[in-house]
Each structure stands twice: as structure tokens, then as C-alpha cells.
N, C-alpha and C. Protein backbone atom coordinates (compact mmCIF):
# COMPACT_ATOMS: atom_id res chain seq x y z
N MET A 1 -24.97 29.50 55.94
CA MET A 1 -24.44 29.83 54.93
C MET A 1 -22.85 29.50 54.98
N GLN A 2 -22.13 28.96 53.85
CA GLN A 2 -20.91 28.37 54.06
C GLN A 2 -20.17 29.38 53.40
N GLY A 3 -18.80 29.59 53.59
CA GLY A 3 -17.86 30.43 53.05
C GLY A 3 -17.69 31.74 53.78
N ASP A 4 -17.19 32.73 53.27
CA ASP A 4 -17.02 33.97 53.77
C ASP A 4 -18.00 34.90 53.36
N HIS A 5 -19.12 35.21 54.01
CA HIS A 5 -20.32 36.03 53.80
C HIS A 5 -20.34 37.32 54.56
N THR A 6 -20.82 38.47 53.87
CA THR A 6 -20.93 39.46 54.61
C THR A 6 -22.39 40.13 54.24
N VAL A 7 -23.24 40.63 54.98
CA VAL A 7 -24.36 41.35 54.67
C VAL A 7 -24.21 42.92 54.81
N GLU A 8 -24.34 43.53 53.89
CA GLU A 8 -24.30 45.10 53.99
C GLU A 8 -25.51 45.74 53.50
N PRO A 9 -25.73 46.83 53.91
CA PRO A 9 -26.96 47.77 53.46
C PRO A 9 -26.74 48.23 52.02
N THR A 10 -25.62 48.69 51.84
CA THR A 10 -25.14 49.11 50.32
C THR A 10 -24.05 48.49 49.88
N VAL A 11 -23.91 48.78 48.68
CA VAL A 11 -22.64 48.32 48.02
C VAL A 11 -21.60 49.51 47.77
N ARG A 12 -20.43 49.08 48.13
CA ARG A 12 -19.43 50.18 47.99
C ARG A 12 -19.07 50.10 46.42
N THR A 13 -19.10 51.48 45.82
CA THR A 13 -18.66 51.44 44.56
C THR A 13 -17.57 52.36 44.31
N ASP A 14 -17.04 52.31 43.00
CA ASP A 14 -16.00 53.16 42.70
C ASP A 14 -16.49 54.52 42.18
N ARG A 15 -17.74 54.61 41.89
CA ARG A 15 -18.56 55.87 41.27
C ARG A 15 -19.75 55.83 42.17
N ALA A 16 -20.42 57.26 41.79
CA ALA A 16 -21.61 57.36 42.55
C ALA A 16 -22.69 56.65 41.63
N VAL A 17 -23.64 55.80 42.44
CA VAL A 17 -24.66 54.93 41.85
C VAL A 17 -25.95 55.42 42.44
N PRO A 18 -26.92 56.29 41.76
CA PRO A 18 -28.31 56.55 42.23
C PRO A 18 -29.04 55.58 42.95
N ASP A 19 -28.93 54.35 42.73
CA ASP A 19 -30.09 53.31 43.40
C ASP A 19 -29.11 52.48 44.13
N ASN A 20 -28.61 52.85 45.26
CA ASN A 20 -27.76 51.88 45.79
C ASN A 20 -28.35 51.73 47.39
N LYS A 21 -29.64 51.47 47.39
CA LYS A 21 -30.12 51.30 48.75
C LYS A 21 -31.21 50.08 48.63
N GLN A 22 -30.54 48.86 48.16
CA GLN A 22 -31.24 47.74 48.33
C GLN A 22 -31.45 47.18 49.65
N ASP A 23 -32.56 46.39 49.71
CA ASP A 23 -32.89 46.03 51.32
C ASP A 23 -31.77 45.09 51.89
N ILE A 24 -31.13 43.92 51.15
CA ILE A 24 -30.19 43.07 51.56
C ILE A 24 -29.22 42.84 50.58
N THR A 25 -27.93 43.00 50.91
CA THR A 25 -26.74 42.88 50.15
C THR A 25 -25.82 41.74 50.74
N MET A 26 -25.96 40.46 50.03
CA MET A 26 -25.01 39.33 50.43
C MET A 26 -23.99 39.31 49.69
N ARG A 27 -22.72 39.38 50.07
CA ARG A 27 -21.42 39.23 49.26
C ARG A 27 -20.72 37.79 49.84
N ASP A 28 -20.42 36.90 48.92
CA ASP A 28 -19.76 35.76 49.12
C ASP A 28 -18.21 36.02 48.48
N ASN A 29 -17.45 36.10 49.15
CA ASN A 29 -16.12 36.70 48.72
C ASN A 29 -15.16 35.21 48.26
N GLU A 30 -15.80 34.05 48.70
CA GLU A 30 -14.99 33.04 47.90
C GLU A 30 -15.48 32.76 46.59
N LYS A 31 -16.82 32.89 46.36
CA LYS A 31 -17.43 32.68 45.07
C LYS A 31 -17.29 33.79 44.28
N GLY A 32 -16.78 35.08 44.81
CA GLY A 32 -17.01 36.26 44.04
C GLY A 32 -18.22 36.71 43.44
N THR A 33 -19.39 36.41 44.34
CA THR A 33 -20.54 37.12 43.90
C THR A 33 -21.20 37.98 45.02
N CYS A 34 -22.17 38.82 44.53
CA CYS A 34 -22.82 39.75 45.42
C CYS A 34 -24.14 39.76 44.83
N MET A 35 -25.17 39.43 45.88
CA MET A 35 -26.49 39.44 45.56
C MET A 35 -27.23 40.46 46.03
N LEU A 36 -27.86 41.43 45.44
CA LEU A 36 -28.71 42.39 45.81
C LEU A 36 -30.06 42.06 45.84
N THR A 37 -30.70 41.89 46.83
CA THR A 37 -31.92 41.55 47.27
C THR A 37 -32.83 42.75 47.53
N ASP A 38 -33.89 43.03 46.75
CA ASP A 38 -34.89 44.07 47.04
C ASP A 38 -36.30 43.47 47.26
N VAL A 39 -36.89 43.50 48.46
CA VAL A 39 -38.16 43.04 48.99
C VAL A 39 -39.23 44.11 48.69
N ALA A 40 -40.42 43.74 48.09
CA ALA A 40 -41.81 44.59 48.25
C ALA A 40 -42.77 43.83 47.98
N VAL A 41 -43.83 44.32 48.94
CA VAL A 41 -45.16 43.82 48.75
C VAL A 41 -45.90 45.21 47.93
N SER A 42 -46.53 44.74 46.83
CA SER A 42 -47.03 45.78 46.01
C SER A 42 -48.65 45.70 46.46
N GLY A 43 -49.03 46.98 46.26
CA GLY A 43 -50.64 47.19 46.59
C GLY A 43 -51.38 46.85 45.37
N ASP A 44 -50.77 46.78 44.28
CA ASP A 44 -51.66 46.40 42.95
C ASP A 44 -51.27 45.24 42.44
N ARG A 45 -51.70 44.74 41.22
CA ARG A 45 -51.75 43.53 40.65
C ARG A 45 -50.36 43.52 39.77
N ASN A 46 -49.68 44.62 39.62
CA ASN A 46 -48.61 44.59 38.69
C ASN A 46 -47.32 43.98 39.20
N VAL A 47 -47.24 42.58 39.67
CA VAL A 47 -46.21 42.18 40.13
C VAL A 47 -44.79 41.99 39.34
N ILE A 48 -45.55 41.50 38.10
CA ILE A 48 -44.29 41.24 37.13
C ILE A 48 -43.73 42.65 36.66
N LYS A 49 -44.54 43.68 36.68
CA LYS A 49 -44.02 45.02 36.36
C LYS A 49 -42.97 45.62 37.32
N ARG A 50 -43.35 45.35 38.79
CA ARG A 50 -42.50 45.69 39.82
C ARG A 50 -41.31 44.84 39.73
N GLU A 51 -41.16 43.68 39.58
CA GLU A 51 -40.18 42.82 39.56
C GLU A 51 -39.09 43.50 38.38
N ALA A 52 -39.65 43.60 37.10
CA ALA A 52 -38.82 44.31 35.96
C ALA A 52 -38.29 45.66 36.41
N GLU A 53 -38.95 46.39 37.13
CA GLU A 53 -38.52 47.79 37.77
C GLU A 53 -37.29 47.59 38.61
N LYS A 54 -37.35 46.71 39.57
CA LYS A 54 -36.47 46.36 40.44
C LYS A 54 -35.01 45.93 39.80
N ILE A 55 -35.22 44.94 38.79
CA ILE A 55 -33.96 44.58 37.91
C ILE A 55 -33.43 45.79 37.07
N LEU A 56 -34.31 46.64 36.65
CA LEU A 56 -33.72 47.94 36.06
C LEU A 56 -33.11 48.72 36.93
N LYS A 57 -33.64 49.14 38.13
CA LYS A 57 -33.29 49.82 39.19
C LYS A 57 -31.81 49.65 39.65
N TYR A 58 -31.49 48.54 39.61
CA TYR A 58 -30.11 48.14 40.24
C TYR A 58 -29.26 47.70 38.99
N LYS A 59 -29.53 47.96 37.67
CA LYS A 59 -28.78 47.78 36.50
C LYS A 59 -27.13 48.22 36.75
N ASP A 60 -27.05 49.59 37.27
CA ASP A 60 -25.76 50.16 37.27
C ASP A 60 -24.91 49.32 38.27
N LEU A 61 -25.50 48.69 39.34
CA LEU A 61 -24.67 47.88 40.13
C LEU A 61 -24.52 46.54 39.78
N THR A 62 -25.19 45.97 38.77
CA THR A 62 -24.76 44.80 38.32
C THR A 62 -23.70 44.70 37.07
N THR A 63 -23.28 45.87 36.76
CA THR A 63 -22.39 45.97 35.63
C THR A 63 -20.85 45.61 36.18
N GLU A 64 -20.25 44.91 35.27
CA GLU A 64 -19.00 44.65 35.92
C GLU A 64 -17.99 45.62 36.19
N GLY A 65 -17.47 45.41 37.44
CA GLY A 65 -16.58 46.43 37.87
C GLY A 65 -17.35 47.62 38.84
N SER A 66 -18.50 47.60 38.81
CA SER A 66 -19.22 48.53 39.50
C SER A 66 -19.32 48.45 41.05
N THR A 67 -19.14 47.16 41.31
CA THR A 67 -19.20 46.82 42.62
C THR A 67 -18.03 47.27 43.71
N GLY A 68 -16.92 47.81 43.11
CA GLY A 68 -15.65 48.35 43.86
C GLY A 68 -14.67 47.24 43.71
N GLN A 69 -14.93 46.06 43.36
CA GLN A 69 -13.98 45.03 43.36
C GLN A 69 -14.01 44.30 41.97
N ARG A 70 -12.84 44.09 41.50
CA ARG A 70 -12.87 43.20 40.14
C ARG A 70 -13.25 41.87 40.53
N ASN A 71 -13.72 40.93 39.45
CA ASN A 71 -14.10 39.69 39.55
C ASN A 71 -15.20 39.55 40.37
N VAL A 72 -16.00 40.38 40.76
CA VAL A 72 -17.24 40.23 41.56
C VAL A 72 -18.32 40.28 40.61
N LYS A 73 -19.31 39.31 40.71
CA LYS A 73 -20.39 39.41 39.80
C LYS A 73 -21.50 39.65 40.64
N ALA A 74 -22.41 40.75 40.35
CA ALA A 74 -23.46 41.12 41.20
C ALA A 74 -24.79 40.66 40.23
N LYS A 75 -25.68 40.02 41.17
CA LYS A 75 -27.03 39.76 40.57
C LYS A 75 -28.20 40.43 41.50
N VAL A 76 -29.13 40.82 40.58
CA VAL A 76 -30.48 41.28 41.37
C VAL A 76 -31.24 40.04 41.80
N ILE A 77 -31.95 40.20 42.98
CA ILE A 77 -32.83 39.23 43.34
C ILE A 77 -34.12 39.82 43.68
N PRO A 78 -35.04 40.03 42.80
CA PRO A 78 -36.03 40.80 43.33
C PRO A 78 -37.13 40.11 43.79
N VAL A 79 -37.68 40.23 45.11
CA VAL A 79 -38.53 39.32 45.84
C VAL A 79 -39.77 40.48 45.97
N THR A 80 -40.69 40.08 44.96
CA THR A 80 -41.98 40.90 45.02
C THR A 80 -43.45 40.01 45.31
N SER A 81 -44.23 40.54 45.80
CA SER A 81 -45.52 39.83 46.14
C SER A 81 -46.72 40.92 46.07
N GLU A 82 -47.74 40.53 45.86
CA GLU A 82 -48.91 41.52 45.64
C GLU A 82 -49.47 41.27 47.13
N ALA A 83 -50.39 42.17 47.64
CA ALA A 83 -50.81 42.34 49.01
C ALA A 83 -51.67 41.06 49.42
N THR A 84 -52.34 40.57 48.30
CA THR A 84 -53.09 39.35 48.61
C THR A 84 -52.25 37.93 48.43
N GLY A 85 -50.90 38.10 48.04
CA GLY A 85 -50.34 36.86 47.96
C GLY A 85 -49.79 36.48 46.52
N THR A 86 -50.28 37.28 45.63
CA THR A 86 -49.85 36.88 44.22
C THR A 86 -48.64 37.04 43.92
N ILE A 87 -47.82 36.20 43.33
CA ILE A 87 -46.53 36.42 42.85
C ILE A 87 -46.29 36.13 41.41
N SER A 88 -45.05 36.24 40.89
CA SER A 88 -44.77 35.92 39.50
C SER A 88 -44.36 34.60 39.47
N LYS A 89 -44.35 34.08 38.16
CA LYS A 89 -43.90 32.65 37.91
C LYS A 89 -42.36 32.53 38.15
N SER A 90 -41.58 33.43 38.04
CA SER A 90 -40.11 33.43 38.06
C SER A 90 -39.68 33.56 39.56
N LEU A 91 -40.35 33.84 40.56
CA LEU A 91 -40.13 34.27 42.00
C LEU A 91 -39.32 32.80 42.53
N GLY A 92 -39.74 31.74 42.21
CA GLY A 92 -39.13 30.65 42.54
C GLY A 92 -37.69 30.59 42.27
N GLN A 93 -37.51 30.76 40.91
CA GLN A 93 -36.24 30.79 40.27
C GLN A 93 -35.25 31.76 41.01
N TYR A 94 -35.64 32.90 41.35
CA TYR A 94 -34.87 34.18 41.99
C TYR A 94 -34.61 33.36 43.50
N LEU A 95 -35.58 33.02 44.13
CA LEU A 95 -35.39 32.41 45.47
C LEU A 95 -34.31 31.26 45.61
N ASN A 96 -34.11 30.53 44.50
CA ASN A 96 -33.22 29.40 44.58
C ASN A 96 -31.76 29.89 44.56
N ASN A 97 -31.59 31.41 43.99
CA ASN A 97 -30.29 31.88 44.04
C ASN A 97 -29.82 32.11 45.43
N LEU A 98 -30.79 32.55 46.45
CA LEU A 98 -30.51 32.74 47.96
C LEU A 98 -30.09 31.51 48.65
N PRO A 99 -29.14 31.87 49.47
CA PRO A 99 -28.63 30.63 50.48
C PRO A 99 -29.73 30.26 51.49
N GLY A 100 -29.97 29.06 51.79
CA GLY A 100 -30.91 28.59 52.59
C GLY A 100 -32.07 27.75 51.76
N LYS A 101 -33.22 27.89 52.50
CA LYS A 101 -34.58 27.45 52.18
C LYS A 101 -35.57 28.47 52.05
N GLN A 102 -36.01 28.84 51.24
CA GLN A 102 -37.04 29.99 51.27
C GLN A 102 -38.25 29.39 50.69
N GLU A 103 -39.44 29.41 51.34
CA GLU A 103 -40.84 28.74 50.84
C GLU A 103 -41.51 29.82 50.38
N ILE A 104 -42.07 29.69 49.26
CA ILE A 104 -43.01 30.72 48.42
C ILE A 104 -44.17 31.02 49.46
N LYS A 105 -44.77 29.76 49.86
CA LYS A 105 -46.14 29.94 50.95
C LYS A 105 -45.82 30.75 51.96
N GLU A 106 -44.71 30.59 52.45
CA GLU A 106 -44.40 31.36 53.75
C GLU A 106 -44.48 33.07 53.40
N LEU A 107 -43.74 33.44 52.14
CA LEU A 107 -43.82 34.71 51.72
C LEU A 107 -45.05 35.26 51.47
N GLN A 108 -46.00 34.27 50.75
CA GLN A 108 -47.51 34.61 50.61
C GLN A 108 -48.30 34.94 52.05
N LYS A 109 -48.11 34.03 52.85
CA LYS A 109 -48.70 34.19 54.16
C LYS A 109 -48.24 35.27 54.81
N THR A 110 -47.04 35.88 54.93
CA THR A 110 -46.48 36.89 55.50
C THR A 110 -47.26 38.22 54.80
N ALA A 111 -47.37 38.23 53.52
CA ALA A 111 -47.99 39.25 52.75
C ALA A 111 -49.46 39.38 53.12
N ILE A 112 -50.13 38.35 53.30
CA ILE A 112 -51.60 38.26 53.64
C ILE A 112 -51.73 38.67 54.91
N LEU A 113 -50.91 38.15 55.84
CA LEU A 113 -51.05 38.56 57.25
C LEU A 113 -50.78 40.10 57.51
N GLY A 114 -49.70 40.57 56.66
CA GLY A 114 -49.57 42.07 56.76
C GLY A 114 -50.53 42.88 56.27
N THR A 115 -51.30 42.39 55.05
CA THR A 115 -52.46 43.06 54.85
C THR A 115 -53.47 43.19 55.77
N ALA A 116 -53.74 41.98 56.35
CA ALA A 116 -54.93 41.78 57.32
C ALA A 116 -54.63 42.86 58.43
N HIS A 117 -53.34 42.86 58.92
CA HIS A 117 -52.96 43.99 59.99
C HIS A 117 -53.40 45.34 59.57
N ILE A 118 -52.84 45.51 58.37
CA ILE A 118 -53.13 47.00 58.15
C ILE A 118 -54.58 47.28 57.88
N LEU A 119 -55.74 46.44 57.57
CA LEU A 119 -56.83 46.56 57.31
C LEU A 119 -57.58 46.63 58.71
N ARG A 120 -57.33 45.93 59.62
CA ARG A 120 -57.62 46.04 61.04
C ARG A 120 -57.39 47.26 61.57
N GLU A 121 -56.26 47.73 61.40
CA GLU A 121 -55.93 49.13 61.99
C GLU A 121 -56.87 50.35 61.48
N VAL A 122 -57.03 50.02 60.06
CA VAL A 122 -57.76 51.19 59.49
C VAL A 122 -59.13 51.08 59.72
N LEU A 123 -59.67 49.96 59.72
CA LEU A 123 -61.20 49.59 60.04
C LEU A 123 -61.53 49.86 61.25
N THR A 124 -60.56 49.75 62.34
CA THR A 124 -61.18 50.05 63.69
C THR A 124 -60.93 51.29 64.37
């Protein structure tokens, strides 16, 4: 990553925000951006619904000025997958906002391997 980046577990705010527990927070001080990344592997087929829930969950943090600093734009990056690797059509667009290269097939592979591990533990 280029520039001045910090990774924090929560976002400092000037007021209490109920859902301030996202998985990854990346702040780019040069660009004045803050990306709130929440990752989930859903057990059901409602990947699009989970994606929408994550965006709504952090809506308070994306409003202007709620990040505790002026001129900082916060954006929610929902990374959701179904346990068998099903993803939403918009996941690629969300991943493009993150620095570095993320491959959807690696995300799907990780979800499937995690599901297989859980099944092995339960069935043995």
C-alpha cells in the first residue's frame, strides 16, 4: 500500500455509534478515506441480503463527519460468501476498492475449505 495507512479495529468517532466493530478498518490519511471492511461466510443462500445488512449496519459510520475527522470519507466494503462459495455479483466491485490484488476464487476456495473442515469435525 502506498501513502500513510493505518489499520484499526474500530473507528474513533465524536459520538457513540452502536455498530463500531467491523473486521478491518483501513484509513488512508493522504486520500482522506476510511474503508470499513466486514467479512462473513453465511450458512445460508442469502448472500445479497447479508451484503445489504452489512452496508446498513455501518451506515452511521459512513455519514460525513462521523469518523471523528473532517474531510474523511468512509466507505463500507462488505465481503460476504456462502459456505459453498456462492458470492454476489457486486463482490468484485467491492474488492476493487481495496488496495492490493484480491481474487474471488481464493475467497471461494477459503469458504469451501472452511466448510469442509467444520463438516469433518462434526462428522468424525
